[in-house]
Amino acid sequence: MTTVEATEVGKHFEEVLERVKNGEQVVVTENGVAVAQIAPAPVQRETDEEKLARLERAGVITRNGTGQVARWIIDEPPPKTEDGSSIVEVLLEERRSGW
């Protein structure tokens, strides 16, 4: 847990916020006395339905009730790397090399 003097919080707010985003709690003090605590917000998990609805709104999936995969996913060629090689091969090679 990090302790920061209140006068320093404003000067270093981005750093304090980054620490909180990374899961750390920050105690704010005035003249060495704790007056506040900044902590990460509780994580709210999406339900399966919320996740599906978000993906559908983003155009990533199509739910049409048939259980079929959207045709464009099947028809569109897989992405290639800048040098034209298969992205799947690049990923497999990374895994093999322990990267």
PDB file of N, CA and C in Angstrom:
ATOM      1  N   MET A   1       0.852  -1.175   0.000  1.00  0.00           N
ATOM      2  CA  MET A   1       0.000   0.000   0.000  1.00  0.00           C
ATOM      3  C   MET A   1       0.895   1.234   0.000  1.00  0.00           C
ATOM      4  N   THR A   2       0.548   2.187  -0.825  1.00  0.00           N
ATOM      5  CA  THR A   2       1.318   3.418  -0.948  1.00  0.00           C
ATOM      6  C   THR A   2       0.655   4.526  -0.142  1.00  0.00           C
ATOM      7  N   THR A   3       1.466   5.372   0.463  1.00  0.00           N
ATOM      8  CA  THR A   3       0.966   6.529   1.195  1.00  0.00           C
ATOM      9  C   THR A   3       1.436   7.778   0.479  1.00  0.00           C
ATOM     10  N   VAL A   4       0.498   8.721   0.240  1.00  0.00           N
ATOM     11  CA  VAL A   4       0.815   9.959  -0.464  1.00  0.00           C
ATOM     12  C   VAL A   4       0.234  11.122   0.312  1.00  0.00           C
ATOM     13  N   GLU A   5       1.026  12.148   0.493  1.00  0.00           N
ATOM     14  CA  GLU A   5       0.571  13.368   1.149  1.00  0.00           C
ATOM     15  C   GLU A   5      -0.447  14.059   0.238  1.00  0.00           C
ATOM     16  N   ALA A   6      -1.515  14.602   0.818  1.00  0.00           N
ATOM     17  CA  ALA A   6      -2.615  15.201   0.054  1.00  0.00           C
ATOM     18  C   ALA A   6      -2.117  16.259  -0.920  1.00  0.00           C
ATOM     19  N   THR A   7      -1.143  17.042  -0.537  1.00  0.00           N
ATOM     20  CA  THR A   7      -0.633  18.089  -1.427  1.00  0.00           C
ATOM     21  C   THR A   7       0.056  17.503  -2.653  1.00  0.00           C
ATOM     22  N   GLU A   8       0.505  16.251  -2.578  1.00  0.00           N
ATOM     23  CA  GLU A   8       1.197  15.602  -3.679  1.00  0.00           C
ATOM     24  C   GLU A   8       0.246  14.851  -4.621  1.00  0.00           C
ATOM     25  N   VAL A   9      -0.954  14.534  -4.140  1.00  0.00           N
ATOM     26  CA  VAL A   9      -1.891  13.758  -4.960  1.00  0.00           C
ATOM     27  C   VAL A   9      -2.196  14.479  -6.264  1.00  0.00           C
ATOM     28  N   GLY A  10      -2.504  15.757  -6.183  1.00  0.00           N
ATOM     29  CA  GLY A  10      -2.826  16.531  -7.383  1.00  0.00           C
ATOM     30  C   GLY A  10      -1.650  16.634  -8.336  1.00  0.00           C
ATOM     31  N   LYS A  11      -0.467  16.809  -7.773  1.00  0.00           N
ATOM     32  CA  LYS A  11       0.735  16.956  -8.600  1.00  0.00           C
ATOM     33  C   LYS A  11       1.070  15.665  -9.344  1.00  0.00           C
ATOM     34  N   HIS A  12       0.725  14.538  -8.743  1.00  0.00           N
ATOM     35  CA  HIS A  12       1.092  13.237  -9.303  1.00  0.00           C
ATOM     36  C   HIS A  12      -0.139  12.364  -9.543  1.00  0.00           C
ATOM     37  N   PHE A  13      -1.251  13.011  -9.900  1.00  0.00           N
ATOM     38  CA  PHE A  13      -2.509  12.277 -10.010  1.00  0.00           C
ATOM     39  C   PHE A  13      -2.441  11.127 -11.000  1.00  0.00           C
ATOM     40  N   GLU A  14      -1.827  11.334 -12.159  1.00  0.00           N
ATOM     41  CA  GLU A  14      -1.766  10.260 -13.159  1.00  0.00           C
ATOM     42  C   GLU A  14      -1.023   9.050 -12.613  1.00  0.00           C
ATOM     43  N   GLU A  15       0.044   9.276 -11.892  1.00  0.00           N
ATOM     44  CA  GLU A  15       0.807   8.172 -11.301  1.00  0.00           C
ATOM     45  C   GLU A  15      -0.017   7.451 -10.236  1.00  0.00           C
ATOM     46  N   VAL A  16      -0.707   8.242  -9.389  1.00  0.00           N
ATOM     47  CA  VAL A  16      -1.560   7.642  -8.356  1.00  0.00           C
ATOM     48  C   VAL A  16      -2.645   6.810  -9.017  1.00  0.00           C
ATOM     49  N   LEU A  17      -3.293   7.360 -10.037  1.00  0.00           N
ATOM     50  CA  LEU A  17      -4.365   6.647 -10.729  1.00  0.00           C
ATOM     51  C   LEU A  17      -3.851   5.367 -11.383  1.00  0.00           C
ATOM     52  N   GLU A  18      -2.659   5.415 -11.957  1.00  0.00           N
ATOM     53  CA  GLU A  18      -2.081   4.226 -12.584  1.00  0.00           C
ATOM     54  C   GLU A  18      -1.850   3.128 -11.546  1.00  0.00           C
ATOM     55  N   ARG A  19      -1.367   3.520 -10.360  1.00  0.00           N
ATOM     56  CA  ARG A  19      -1.158   2.538  -9.285  1.00  0.00           C
ATOM     57  C   ARG A  19      -2.496   1.877  -8.891  1.00  0.00           C
ATOM     58  N   VAL A  20      -3.547   2.696  -8.792  1.00  0.00           N
ATOM     59  CA  VAL A  20      -4.864   2.170  -8.427  1.00  0.00           C
ATOM     60  C   VAL A  20      -5.389   1.249  -9.521  1.00  0.00           C
ATOM     61  N   LYS A  21      -5.215   1.638 -10.785  1.00  0.00           N
ATOM     62  CA  LYS A  21      -5.643   0.783 -11.900  1.00  0.00           C
ATOM     63  C   LYS A  21      -4.946  -0.568 -11.856  1.00  0.00           C
ATOM     64  N   ASN A  22      -3.715  -0.577 -11.357  1.00  0.00           N
ATOM     65  CA  ASN A  22      -2.949  -1.824 -11.268  1.00  0.00           C
ATOM     66  C   ASN A  22      -3.257  -2.610 -10.000  1.00  0.00           C
ATOM     67  N   GLY A  23      -4.304  -2.198  -9.280  1.00  0.00           N
ATOM     68  CA  GLY A  23      -4.760  -2.971  -8.124  1.00  0.00           C
ATOM     69  C   GLY A  23      -4.242  -2.508  -6.775  1.00  0.00           C
ATOM     70  N   GLU A  24      -3.446  -1.467  -6.755  1.00  0.00           N
ATOM     71  CA  GLU A  24      -2.870  -0.995  -5.491  1.00  0.00           C
ATOM     72  C   GLU A  24      -3.825  -0.035  -4.792  1.00  0.00           C
ATOM     73  N   GLN A  25      -3.795  -0.039  -3.467  1.00  0.00           N
ATOM     74  CA  GLN A  25      -4.551   0.931  -2.684  1.00  0.00           C
ATOM     75  C   GLN A  25      -3.600   2.057  -2.287  1.00  0.00           C
ATOM     76  N   VAL A  26      -4.094   3.292  -2.351  1.00  0.00           N
ATOM     77  CA  VAL A  26      -3.280   4.452  -2.013  1.00  0.00           C
ATOM     78  C   VAL A  26      -3.943   5.178  -0.848  1.00  0.00           C
ATOM     79  N   VAL A  27      -3.170   5.400   0.227  1.00  0.00           N
ATOM     80  CA  VAL A  27      -3.664   6.133   1.386  1.00  0.00           C
ATOM     81  C   VAL A  27      -3.212   7.581   1.246  1.00  0.00           C
ATOM     82  N   VAL A  28      -4.173   8.499   1.380  1.00  0.00           N
ATOM     83  CA  VAL A  28      -3.885   9.925   1.304  1.00  0.00           C
ATOM     84  C   VAL A  28      -3.772  10.443   2.728  1.00  0.00           C
ATOM     85  N   THR A  29      -2.694  11.192   3.000  1.00  0.00           N
ATOM     86  CA  THR A  29      -2.469  11.710   4.349  1.00  0.00           C
ATOM     87  C   THR A  29      -2.397  13.231   4.336  1.00  0.00           C
ATOM     88  N   GLU A  30      -2.687  13.819   5.497  1.00  0.00           N
ATOM     89  CA  GLU A  30      -2.467  15.246   5.740  1.00  0.00           C
ATOM     90  C   GLU A  30      -1.619  15.332   6.988  1.00  0.00           C
ATOM     91  N   ASN A  31      -0.457  15.900   6.863  1.00  0.00           N
ATOM     92  CA  ASN A  31       0.477  15.997   7.986  1.00  0.00           C
ATOM     93  C   ASN A  31       0.730  14.635   8.623  1.00  0.00           C
ATOM     94  N   GLY A  32       0.818  13.615   7.785  1.00  0.00           N
ATOM     95  CA  GLY A  32       1.136  12.273   8.270  1.00  0.00           C
ATOM     96  C   GLY A  32      -0.042  11.482   8.802  1.00  0.00           C
ATOM     97  N   VAL A  33      -1.237  12.073   8.806  1.00  0.00           N
ATOM     98  CA  VAL A  33      -2.434  11.392   9.316  1.00  0.00           C
ATOM     99  C   VAL A  33      -3.293  10.948   8.128  1.00  0.00           C
ATOM    100  N   ALA A  34      -3.659   9.669   8.103  1.00  0.00           N
ATOM    101  CA  ALA A  34      -4.482   9.142   7.008  1.00  0.00           C
ATOM    102  C   ALA A  34      -5.860   9.803   7.019  1.00  0.00           C
ATOM    103  N   VAL A  35      -6.258  10.336   5.842  1.00  0.00           N
ATOM    104  CA  VAL A  35      -7.568  10.983   5.727  1.00  0.00           C
ATOM    105  C   VAL A  35      -8.445  10.348   4.656  1.00  0.00           C
ATOM    106  N   ALA A  36      -7.841   9.589   3.762  1.00  0.00           N
ATOM    107  CA  ALA A  36      -8.619   8.967   2.685  1.00  0.00           C
ATOM    108  C   ALA A  36      -7.856   7.779   2.138  1.00  0.00           C
ATOM    109  N   GLN A  37      -8.606   6.938   1.443  1.00  0.00           N
ATOM    110  CA  GLN A  37      -8.006   5.793   0.790  1.00  0.00           C
ATOM    111  C   GLN A  37      -8.595   5.689  -0.612  1.00  0.00           C
ATOM    112  N   ILE A  38      -7.726   5.547  -1.595  1.00  0.00           N
ATOM    113  CA  ILE A  38      -8.166   5.367  -2.987  1.00  0.00           C
ATOM    114  C   ILE A  38      -7.909   3.921  -3.339  1.00  0.00           C
ATOM    115  N   ALA A  39      -8.966   3.237  -3.760  1.00  0.00           N
ATOM    116  CA  ALA A  39      -8.864   1.802  -4.047  1.00  0.00           C
ATOM    117  C   ALA A  39      -9.503   1.500  -5.393  1.00  0.00           C
ATOM    118  N   PRO A  40      -9.098   0.394  -6.029  1.00  0.00           N
ATOM    119  CA  PRO A  40      -9.705   0.015  -7.297  1.00  0.00           C
ATOM    120  C   PRO A  40     -11.207  -0.227  -7.141  1.00  0.00           C
ATOM    121  N   ALA A  41     -11.955   0.116  -8.158  1.00  0.00           N
ATOM    122  CA  ALA A  41     -13.388  -0.146  -8.159  1.00  0.00           C
ATOM    123  C   ALA A  41     -13.611  -1.647  -8.259  1.00  0.00           C
ATOM    124  N   PRO A  42     -14.687  -2.152  -7.650  1.00  0.00           N
ATOM    125  CA  PRO A  42     -14.966  -3.585  -7.765  1.00  0.00           C
ATOM    126  C   PRO A  42     -15.209  -3.973  -9.221  1.00  0.00           C
ATOM    127  N   VAL A  43     -14.714  -5.130  -9.592  1.00  0.00           N
ATOM    128  CA  VAL A  43     -14.875  -5.625 -10.957  1.00  0.00           C
ATOM    129  C   VAL A  43     -16.283  -6.169 -11.116  1.00  0.00           C
ATOM    130  N   GLN A  44     -16.967  -5.706 -12.154  1.00  0.00           N
ATOM    131  CA  GLN A  44     -18.298  -6.223 -12.448  1.00  0.00           C
ATOM    132  C   GLN A  44     -18.191  -7.124 -13.662  1.00  0.00           C
ATOM    133  N   ARG A  45     -18.535  -8.355 -13.484  1.00  0.00           N
ATOM    134  CA  ARG A  45     -18.428  -9.334 -14.563  1.00  0.00           C
ATOM    135  C   ARG A  45     -19.687  -9.299 -15.427  1.00  0.00           C
ATOM    136  N   GLU A  46     -19.458  -9.404 -16.733  1.00  0.00           N
ATOM    137  CA  GLU A  46     -20.576  -9.478 -17.672  1.00  0.00           C
ATOM    138  C   GLU A  46     -21.220 -10.856 -17.606  1.00  0.00           C
ATOM    139  N   THR A  47     -22.525 -10.891 -17.716  1.00  0.00           N
ATOM    140  CA  THR A  47     -23.188 -12.177 -17.874  1.00  0.00           C
ATOM    141  C   THR A  47     -22.944 -12.642 -19.305  1.00  0.00           C
ATOM    142  N   ASP A  48     -23.191 -13.909 -19.562  1.00  0.00           N
ATOM    143  CA  ASP A  48     -23.032 -14.421 -20.929  1.00  0.00           C
ATOM    144  C   ASP A  48     -23.902 -13.642 -21.909  1.00  0.00           C
ATOM    145  N   GLU A  49     -25.130 -13.340 -21.503  1.00  0.00           N
ATOM    146  CA  GLU A  49     -26.050 -12.617 -22.380  1.00  0.00           C
ATOM    147  C   GLU A  49     -25.530 -11.214 -22.666  1.00  0.00           C
ATOM    148  N   GLU A  50     -24.986 -10.531 -21.647  1.00  0.00           N
ATOM    149  CA  GLU A  50     -24.434  -9.187 -21.851  1.00  0.00           C
ATOM    150  C   GLU A  50     -23.233  -9.231 -22.797  1.00  0.00           C
ATOM    151  N   LYS A  51     -22.399 -10.251 -22.641  1.00  0.00           N
ATOM    152  CA  LYS A  51     -21.222 -10.383 -23.491  1.00  0.00           C
ATOM    153  C   LYS A  51     -21.642 -10.636 -24.939  1.00  0.00           C
ATOM    154  N   LEU A  52     -22.609 -11.539 -25.138  1.00  0.00           N
ATOM    155  CA  LEU A  52     -23.096 -11.816 -26.488  1.00  0.00           C
ATOM    156  C   LEU A  52     -23.719 -10.575 -27.124  1.00  0.00           C
ATOM    157  N   ALA A  53     -24.495  -9.827 -26.335  1.00  0.00           N
ATOM    158  CA  ALA A  53     -25.130  -8.616 -26.851  1.00  0.00           C
ATOM    159  C   ALA A  53     -24.073  -7.584 -27.244  1.00  0.00           C
ATOM    160  N   ARG A  54     -23.017  -7.434 -26.434  1.00  0.00           N
ATOM    161  CA  ARG A  54     -21.942  -6.489 -26.741  1.00  0.00           C
ATOM    162  C   ARG A  54     -21.218  -6.891 -28.023  1.00  0.00           C
ATOM    163  N   LEU A  55     -20.925  -8.186 -28.174  1.00  0.00           N
ATOM    164  CA  LEU A  55     -20.254  -8.665 -29.380  1.00  0.00           C
ATOM    165  C   LEU A  55     -21.136  -8.499 -30.609  1.00  0.00           C
ATOM    166  N   GLU A  56     -22.427  -8.708 -30.439  1.00  0.00           N
ATOM    167  CA  GLU A  56     -23.354  -8.532 -31.557  1.00  0.00           C
ATOM    168  C   GLU A  56     -23.428  -7.059 -31.968  1.00  0.00           C
ATOM    169  N   ARG A  57     -23.506  -6.140 -30.992  1.00  0.00           N
ATOM    170  CA  ARG A  57     -23.531  -4.710 -31.305  1.00  0.00           C
ATOM    171  C   ARG A  57     -22.265  -4.273 -32.033  1.00  0.00           C
ATOM    172  N   ALA A  58     -21.139  -4.887 -31.670  1.00  0.00           N
ATOM    173  CA  ALA A  58     -19.858  -4.542 -32.296  1.00  0.00           C
ATOM    174  C   ALA A  58     -19.705  -5.181 -33.668  1.00  0.00           C
ATOM    175  N   GLY A  59     -20.629  -6.045 -34.046  1.00  0.00           N
ATOM    176  CA  GLY A  59     -20.561  -6.694 -35.350  1.00  0.00           C
ATOM    177  C   GLY A  59     -19.625  -7.885 -35.394  1.00  0.00           C
ATOM    178  N   VAL A  60     -19.185  -8.362 -34.233  1.00  0.00           N
ATOM    179  CA  VAL A  60     -18.273  -9.501 -34.187  1.00  0.00           C
ATOM    180  C   VAL A  60     -19.028 -10.807 -34.392  1.00  0.00           C
ATOM    181  N   ILE A  61     -20.237 -10.885 -33.859  1.00  0.00           N
ATOM    182  CA  ILE A  61     -21.053 -12.084 -34.026  1.00  0.00           C
ATOM    183  C   ILE A  61     -22.430 -11.701 -34.543  1.00  0.00           C
ATOM    184  N   THR A  62     -23.120 -12.671 -35.074  1.00  0.00           N
ATOM    185  CA  THR A  62     -24.503 -12.501 -35.492  1.00  0.00           C
ATOM    186  C   THR A  62     -25.308 -13.622 -34.864  1.00  0.00           C
ATOM    187  N   ARG A  63     -26.307 -13.254 -34.091  1.00  0.00           N
ATOM    188  CA  ARG A  63     -27.179 -14.269 -33.516  1.00  0.00           C
ATOM    189  C   ARG A  63     -28.482 -14.238 -34.304  1.00  0.00           C
ATOM    190  N   ASN A  64     -28.637 -15.239 -35.148  1.00  0.00           N
ATOM    191  CA  ASN A  64     -29.848 -15.263 -35.967  1.00  0.00           C
ATOM    192  C   ASN A  64     -30.742 -16.442 -35.626  1.00  0.00           C
ATOM    193  N   GLY A  65     -30.426 -17.124 -34.537  1.00  0.00           N
ATOM    194  CA  GLY A  65     -31.272 -18.212 -34.087  1.00  0.00           C
ATOM    195  C   GLY A  65     -31.034 -19.537 -34.773  1.00  0.00           C
ATOM    196  N   THR A  66     -30.146 -19.585 -35.755  1.00  0.00           N
ATOM    197  CA  THR A  66     -29.936 -20.836 -36.477  1.00  0.00           C
ATOM    198  C   THR A  66     -28.803 -21.659 -35.878  1.00  0.00           C
ATOM    199  N   GLY A  67     -27.984 -21.027 -35.053  1.00  0.00           N
ATOM    200  CA  GLY A  67     -26.816 -21.727 -34.521  1.00  0.00           C
ATOM    201  C   GLY A  67     -25.682 -21.793 -35.520  1.00  0.00           C
ATOM    202  N   GLN A  68     -25.858 -21.143 -36.658  1.00  0.00           N
ATOM    203  CA  GLN A  68     -24.852 -21.138 -37.718  1.00  0.00           C
ATOM    204  C   GLN A  68     -23.835 -20.027 -37.476  1.00  0.00           C
ATOM    205  N   VAL A  69     -22.629 -20.255 -37.914  1.00  0.00           N
ATOM    206  CA  VAL A  69     -21.600 -19.219 -37.885  1.00  0.00           C
ATOM    207  C   VAL A  69     -21.883 -18.251 -39.015  1.00  0.00           C
ATOM    208  N   ALA A  70     -21.686 -16.953 -38.752  1.00  0.00           N
ATOM    209  CA  ALA A  70     -21.904 -15.949 -39.798  1.00  0.00           C
ATOM    210  C   ALA A  70     -21.044 -16.296 -41.014  1.00  0.00           C
ATOM    211  N   ARG A  71     -21.612 -16.251 -42.183  1.00  0.00           N
ATOM    212  CA  ARG A  71     -20.945 -16.674 -43.415  1.00  0.00           C
ATOM    213  C   ARG A  71     -19.644 -15.912 -43.680  1.00  0.00           C
ATOM    214  N   TRP A  72     -19.612 -14.610 -43.344  1.00  0.00           N
ATOM    215  CA  TRP A  72     -18.418 -13.822 -43.639  1.00  0.00           C
ATOM    216  C   TRP A  72     -17.205 -14.318 -42.859  1.00  0.00           C
ATOM    217  N   ILE A  73     -17.429 -14.916 -41.699  1.00  0.00           N
ATOM    218  CA  ILE A  73     -16.307 -15.446 -40.914  1.00  0.00           C
ATOM    219  C   ILE A  73     -15.658 -16.604 -41.664  1.00  0.00           C
ATOM    220  N   ILE A  74     -16.465 -17.409 -42.299  1.00  0.00           N
ATOM    221  CA  ILE A  74     -15.953 -18.565 -43.036  1.00  0.00           C
ATOM    222  C   ILE A  74     -15.337 -18.133 -44.360  1.00  0.00           C
ATOM    223  N   ASP A  75     -15.992 -17.202 -45.057  1.00  0.00           N
ATOM    224  CA  ASP A  75     -15.568 -16.820 -46.395  1.00  0.00           C
ATOM    225  C   ASP A  75     -14.343 -15.909 -46.423  1.00  0.00           C
ATOM    226  N   GLU A  76     -14.169 -15.084 -45.403  1.00  0.00           N
ATOM    227  CA  GLU A  76     -13.062 -14.121 -45.424  1.00  0.00           C
ATOM    228  C   GLU A  76     -11.730 -14.835 -45.194  1.00  0.00           C
ATOM    229  N   PRO A  77     -10.738 -14.540 -46.029  1.00  0.00           N
ATOM    230  CA  PRO A  77      -9.436 -15.200 -45.847  1.00  0.00           C
ATOM    231  C   PRO A  77      -8.781 -14.734 -44.540  1.00  0.00           C
ATOM    232  N   PRO A  78      -8.000 -15.601 -43.928  1.00  0.00           N
ATOM    233  CA  PRO A  78      -7.342 -15.211 -42.680  1.00  0.00           C
ATOM    234  C   PRO A  78      -6.326 -14.099 -42.935  1.00  0.00           C
ATOM    235  N   PRO A  79      -6.039 -13.295 -41.909  1.00  0.00           N
ATOM    236  CA  PRO A  79      -5.089 -12.202 -42.095  1.00  0.00           C
ATOM    237  C   PRO A  79      -3.681 -12.725 -42.392  1.00  0.00           C
ATOM    238  N   LYS A  80      -2.905 -11.915 -43.068  1.00  0.00           N
ATOM    239  CA  LYS A  80      -1.511 -12.245 -43.376  1.00  0.00           C
ATOM    240  C   LYS A  80      -0.598 -11.239 -42.672  1.00  0.00           C
ATOM    241  N   THR A  81       0.633 -11.634 -42.464  1.00  0.00           N
ATOM    242  CA  THR A  81       1.618 -10.726 -41.894  1.00  0.00           C
ATOM    243  C   THR A  81       2.119  -9.789 -42.976  1.00  0.00           C
ATOM    244  N   GLU A  82       2.951  -8.829 -42.593  1.00  0.00           N
ATOM    245  CA  GLU A  82       3.468  -7.862 -43.574  1.00  0.00           C
ATOM    246  C   GLU A  82       4.247  -8.530 -44.689  1.00  0.00           C
ATOM    247  N   ASP A  83       4.943  -9.642 -44.356  1.00  0.00           N
ATOM    248  CA  ASP A  83       5.721 -10.319 -45.392  1.00  0.00           C
ATOM    249  C   ASP A  83       4.900 -11.364 -46.152  1.00  0.00           C
ATOM    250  N   GLY A  84       3.587 -11.448 -45.846  1.00  0.00           N
ATOM    251  CA  GLY A  84       2.705 -12.349 -46.574  1.00  0.00           C
ATOM    252  C   GLY A  84       2.605 -13.754 -46.016  1.00  0.00           C
ATOM    253  N   SER A  85       3.326 -14.047 -44.950  1.00  0.00           N
ATOM    254  CA  SER A  85       3.258 -15.388 -44.385  1.00  0.00           C
ATOM    255  C   SER A  85       1.989 -15.559 -43.558  1.00  0.00           C
ATOM    256  N   SER A  86       1.664 -16.787 -43.261  1.00  0.00           N
ATOM    257  CA  SER A  86       0.451 -17.109 -42.518  1.00  0.00           C
ATOM    258  C   SER A  86       0.599 -16.679 -41.060  1.00  0.00           C
ATOM    259  N   ILE A  87      -0.396 -15.961 -40.569  1.00  0.00           N
ATOM    260  CA  ILE A  87      -0.357 -15.510 -39.183  1.00  0.00           C
ATOM    261  C   ILE A  87      -0.419 -16.700 -38.221  1.00  0.00           C
ATOM    262  N   VAL A  88      -1.095 -17.758 -38.632  1.00  0.00           N
ATOM    263  CA  VAL A  88      -1.160 -18.965 -37.804  1.00  0.00           C
ATOM    264  C   VAL A  88       0.227 -19.577 -37.667  1.00  0.00           C
ATOM    265  N   GLU A  89       0.963 -19.641 -38.767  1.00  0.00           N
ATOM    266  CA  GLU A  89       2.326 -20.180 -38.706  1.00  0.00           C
ATOM    267  C   GLU A  89       3.217 -19.327 -37.821  1.00  0.00           C
ATOM    268  N   VAL A  90       3.058 -18.012 -37.885  1.00  0.00           N
ATOM    269  CA  VAL A  90       3.859 -17.116 -37.046  1.00  0.00           C
ATOM    270  C   VAL A  90       3.553 -17.377 -35.568  1.00  0.00           C
ATOM    271  N   LEU A  91       2.276 -17.508 -35.230  1.00  0.00           N
ATOM    272  CA  LEU A  91       1.888 -17.780 -33.847  1.00  0.00           C
ATOM    273  C   LEU A  91       2.421 -19.123 -33.367  1.00  0.00           C
ATOM    274  N   LEU A  92       2.306 -20.136 -34.217  1.00  0.00           N
ATOM    275  CA  LEU A  92       2.821 -21.454 -33.843  1.00  0.00           C
ATOM    276  C   LEU A  92       4.331 -21.418 -33.629  1.00  0.00           C
ATOM    277  N   GLU A  93       5.029 -20.700 -34.479  1.00  0.00           N
ATOM    278  CA  GLU A  93       6.485 -20.595 -34.330  1.00  0.00           C
ATOM    279  C   GLU A  93       6.842 -19.885 -33.028  1.00  0.00           C
ATOM    280  N   GLU A  94       6.089 -18.828 -32.680  1.00  0.00           N
ATOM    281  CA  GLU A  94       6.322 -18.144 -31.401  1.00  0.00           C
ATOM    282  C   GLU A  94       6.154 -19.094 -30.239  1.00  0.00           C
ATOM    283  N   ARG A  95       5.115 -19.915 -30.279  1.00  0.00           N
ATOM    284  CA  ARG A  95       4.885 -20.883 -29.196  1.00  0.00           C
ATOM    285  C   ARG A  95       6.001 -21.898 -29.119  1.00  0.00           C
ATOM    286  N   ARG A  96       6.462 -22.370 -30.274  1.00  0.00           N
ATOM    287  CA  ARG A  96       7.538 -23.353 -30.297  1.00  0.00           C
ATOM    288  C   ARG A  96       8.834 -22.779 -29.736  1.00  0.00           C
ATOM    289  N   SER A  97       9.065 -21.495 -29.994  1.00  0.00           N
ATOM    290  CA  SER A  97      10.320 -20.874 -29.561  1.00  0.00           C
ATOM    291  C   SER A  97      10.273 -20.436 -28.101  1.00  0.00           C
ATOM    292  N   GLY A  98       9.095 -20.552 -27.471  1.00  0.00           N
ATOM    293  CA  GLY A  98       8.973 -20.183 -26.063  1.00  0.00           C
ATOM    294  C   GLY A  98       8.832 -18.691 -25.814  1.00  0.00           C
ATOM    295  N   TRP A  99       8.536 -17.954 -26.805  1.00  0.00           N
ATOM    296  CA  TRP A  99       8.369 -16.498 -26.697  1.00  0.00           C
ATOM    297  C   TRP A  99       7.218 -16.187 -25.851  1.00  0.00           C
TER     298      TRP A  99
END
